[in-house]
C-alpha atoms as a PDB file:
ATOM      1  CA  ILE A   1      98.610 157.290  -5.167  1.00  0.00           C
ATOM      2  CA  ASN A   2      98.623 158.575  -1.728  1.00  0.00           C
ATOM      3  CA  CYS A   3      98.073 157.582   2.025  1.00  0.00           C
ATOM      4  CA  TYR A   4      95.979 159.685   4.078  1.00  0.00           C
ATOM      5  CA  ASP A   5      97.018 157.898   7.167  1.00  0.00           C
ATOM      6  CA  GLY A   6      98.679 154.368   8.061  1.00  0.00           C
ATOM      7  CA  ASP A   7      95.598 152.569   7.034  1.00  0.00           C
ATOM      8  CA  THR A   8      93.478 154.578   4.449  1.00  0.00           C
ATOM      9  CA  CYS A   9      94.720 155.357   0.886  1.00  0.00           C
ATOM     10  CA  THR A  10      93.474 156.826  -2.583  1.00  0.00           C
ATOM     11  CA  THR A  11      94.158 155.197  -5.977  1.00  0.00           C
ATOM     12  CA  LYS A  12      94.781 157.251  -9.022  1.00  0.00           C
ATOM     13  CA  GLU A  13      91.261 156.840  -9.931  1.00  0.00           C
ATOM     14  CA  GLY A  14      90.195 158.256  -6.660  1.00  0.00           C
ATOM     15  CA  GLU A  15      89.198 155.394  -5.025  1.00  0.00           C
ATOM     16  CA  SER A  16      89.355 155.313  -1.492  1.00  0.00           C
ATOM     17  CA  ILE A  17      90.735 152.202   0.097  1.00  0.00           C
ATOM     18  CA  ARG A  18      90.831 151.303   3.656  1.00  0.00           C
ATOM     19  CA  LEU A  19      93.513 148.738   4.308  1.00  0.00           C
ATOM     20  CA  ALA A  20      91.708 145.438   5.895  1.00  0.00           C
ATOM     21  CA  CYS A  21      92.561 143.746   9.055  1.00  0.00           C
ATOM     22  CA  ILE A  22      94.707 146.455  10.328  1.00  0.00           C
ATOM     23  CA  ASP A  23      94.423 149.496  12.852  1.00  0.00           C
ATOM     24  CA  THR A  24      96.956 152.519  12.837  1.00  0.00           C
ATOM     25  CA  PRO A  25      97.145 155.134  14.942  1.00  0.00           C
ATOM     26  CA  GLU A  26      94.864 158.330  14.494  1.00  0.00           C
ATOM     27  CA  LEU A  27      96.021 161.716  13.104  1.00  0.00           C
ATOM     28  CA  LEU A  28      92.620 163.295  14.182  1.00  0.00           C
ATOM     29  CA  GLY A  29      90.000 162.806  16.982  1.00  0.00           C
ATOM     30  CA  PRO A  30      89.995 162.202  20.532  1.00  0.00           C
ATOM     31  CA  ARG A  31      92.128 158.925  20.275  1.00  0.00           C
ATOM     32  CA  ARG A  32      94.635 160.898  17.880  1.00  0.00           C
ATOM     33  CA  ASN A  33      98.544 159.977  18.353  1.00  0.00           C
ATOM     34  CA  THR A  34      99.962 162.338  15.867  1.00  0.00           C
ATOM     35  CA  ILE A  35     103.534 161.272  16.006  1.00  0.00           C
ATOM     36  CA  GLU A  36     102.886 157.849  15.955  1.00  0.00           C
ATOM     37  CA  ALA A  37     100.392 158.038  12.944  1.00  0.00           C
ATOM     38  CA  GLU A  38     102.559 160.548  10.934  1.00  0.00           C
ATOM     39  CA  LEU A  39     105.110 157.612  11.319  1.00  0.00           C
ATOM     40  CA  ALA A  40     102.833 155.233   9.913  1.00  0.00           C
ATOM     41  CA  ARG A  41     101.708 157.285   7.202  1.00  0.00           C
ATOM     42  CA  ASP A  42     104.984 158.442   5.938  1.00  0.00           C
ATOM     43  CA  TYR A  43     106.230 154.912   6.217  1.00  0.00           C
ATOM     44  CA  LEU A  44     103.205 153.264   4.074  1.00  0.00           C
ATOM     45  CA  ASN A  45     103.899 156.108   1.444  1.00  0.00           C
ATOM     46  CA  ASP A  46     107.223 155.310   1.294  1.00  0.00           C
ATOM     47  CA  LEU A  47     106.546 152.035   0.599  1.00  0.00           C
ATOM     48  CA  ILE A  48     104.141 152.033  -2.223  1.00  0.00           C
ATOM     49  CA  GLU A  49     105.287 155.437  -3.639  1.00  0.00           C
ATOM     50  CA  GLY A  50     105.585 154.926  -7.393  1.00  0.00           C
ATOM     51  CA  LYS A  51     105.201 151.564  -7.473  1.00  0.00           C
ATOM     52  CA  ASP A  52     102.214 149.224  -8.708  1.00  0.00           C
ATOM     53  CA  VAL A  53     100.187 147.696  -6.192  1.00  0.00           C
ATOM     54  CA  LEU A  54      97.763 144.961  -6.362  1.00  0.00           C
ATOM     55  CA  ILE A  55      94.562 145.652  -4.669  1.00  0.00           C
ATOM     56  CA  ASN A  56      92.206 142.560  -3.678  1.00  0.00           C
ATOM     57  CA  ARG A  57      88.808 144.214  -2.839  1.00  0.00           C
ATOM     58  CA  ILE A  58      87.375 142.376  -0.081  1.00  0.00           C
ATOM     59  CA  THR A  59      83.943 144.549   0.460  1.00  0.00           C
ATOM     60  CA  GLU A  60      82.879 148.459   1.133  1.00  0.00           C
ATOM     61  CA  ASP A  61      82.998 149.851   4.793  1.00  0.00           C
ATOM     62  CA  ARG A  62      80.207 152.091   6.336  1.00  0.00           C
ATOM     63  CA  TYR A  63      82.097 155.218   4.883  1.00  0.00           C
ATOM     64  CA  GLY A  64      82.018 154.231   1.141  1.00  0.00           C
ATOM     65  CA  ARG A  65      85.364 153.340   1.341  1.00  0.00           C
ATOM     66  CA  THR A  66      86.600 149.940  -0.380  1.00  0.00           C
ATOM     67  CA  VAL A  67      87.983 147.769   2.111  1.00  0.00           C
ATOM     68  CA  ALA A  68      90.847 145.760   0.685  1.00  0.00           C
ATOM     69  CA  GLU A  69      94.421 143.975   1.060  1.00  0.00           C
ATOM     70  CA  ILE A  70      97.171 145.515  -0.753  1.00  0.00           C
ATOM     71  CA  TYR A  71     100.226 143.880  -2.482  1.00  0.00           C
ATOM     72  CA  ILE A  72     103.443 144.861  -3.415  1.00  0.00           C
ATOM     73  CA  ASP A  73     105.975 142.827  -5.184  1.00  0.00           C
ATOM     74  CA  GLY A  74     103.802 139.802  -4.015  1.00  0.00           C
ATOM     75  CA  LYS A  75     104.055 141.162  -0.172  1.00  0.00           C
ATOM     76  CA  ASN A  76     100.848 141.710   1.713  1.00  0.00           C
ATOM     77  CA  VAL A  77     101.550 145.616   2.888  1.00  0.00           C
ATOM     78  CA  GLN A  78      99.513 145.166   6.121  1.00  0.00           C
ATOM     79  CA  GLN A  79     101.468 142.328   7.298  1.00  0.00           C
ATOM     80  CA  ILE A  80     104.601 144.520   6.717  1.00  0.00           C
ATOM     81  CA  LEU A  81     103.200 147.156   8.714  1.00  0.00           C
ATOM     82  CA  VAL A  82     102.190 144.941  11.583  1.00  0.00           C
ATOM     83  CA  GLU A  83     105.759 143.356  11.166  1.00  0.00           C
ATOM     84  CA  LYS A  84     107.308 146.610  11.258  1.00  0.00           C
ATOM     85  CA  GLY A  85     105.456 147.845  14.255  1.00  0.00           C
ATOM     86  CA  PHE A  86     103.101 150.592  12.596  1.00  0.00           C
ATOM     87  CA  ALA A  87      99.995 148.917  12.834  1.00  0.00           C
ATOM     88  CA  VAL A  88      98.020 146.167  14.913  1.00  0.00           C
ATOM     89  CA  ILE A  89      95.814 143.393  13.666  1.00  0.00           C
ATOM     90  CA  TYR A  90      92.296 144.685  14.107  1.00  0.00           C
ATOM     91  CA  GLU A  91      90.873 141.924  15.925  1.00  0.00           C
ATOM     92  CA  LYS A  92      87.276 142.680  15.120  1.00  0.00           C
ATOM     93  CA  TYR A  93      87.946 142.061  11.401  1.00  0.00           C
ATOM     94  CA  ALA A  94      90.578 139.736  11.536  1.00  0.00           C
ATOM     95  CA  HIS A  95      88.663 137.356   9.594  1.00  0.00           C
ATOM     96  CA  GLN A  96      88.927 139.081   6.527  1.00  0.00           C
ATOM     97  CA  CYS A  97      92.517 138.203   5.881  1.00  0.00           C
ATOM     98  CA  SER A  98      93.862 134.882   6.109  1.00  0.00           C
ATOM     99  CA  TRP A  99      97.071 136.183   7.122  1.00  0.00           C
ATOM    100  CA  SER A 100      95.711 137.831  10.457  1.00  0.00           C
ATOM    101  CA  ARG A 101      93.384 135.071  11.496  1.00  0.00           C
ATOM    102  CA  SER A 102      96.435 133.072  11.810  1.00  0.00           C
ATOM    103  CA  VAL A 103      98.398 135.764  13.780  1.00  0.00           C
ATOM    104  CA  ALA A 104      95.184 136.943  15.824  1.00  0.00           C
ATOM    105  CA  ILE A 105      94.386 133.433  17.321  1.00  0.00           C
END
């Protein structure tokens, strides 16, 4: 239903989804990059707004969020974010997604 930032969204049911295998700029904290973070968030919200998404749940993170890949119209949203420059592959977790493993090597 809405994305808080470029890699964290909430479903209609209230499930918090952490987009797997990517990292985007932070809105808060010591590593914040507000302008870039808002651009990533806004692009992601525009991309998925009003559309049905497929959620491929992978695991749960230490904050209780579902770590998942999301797809829209058969396209991997994380891969789109990386290709458009709004995200980078999160090397530590690249093994969770087949597309990011091939790019990260």
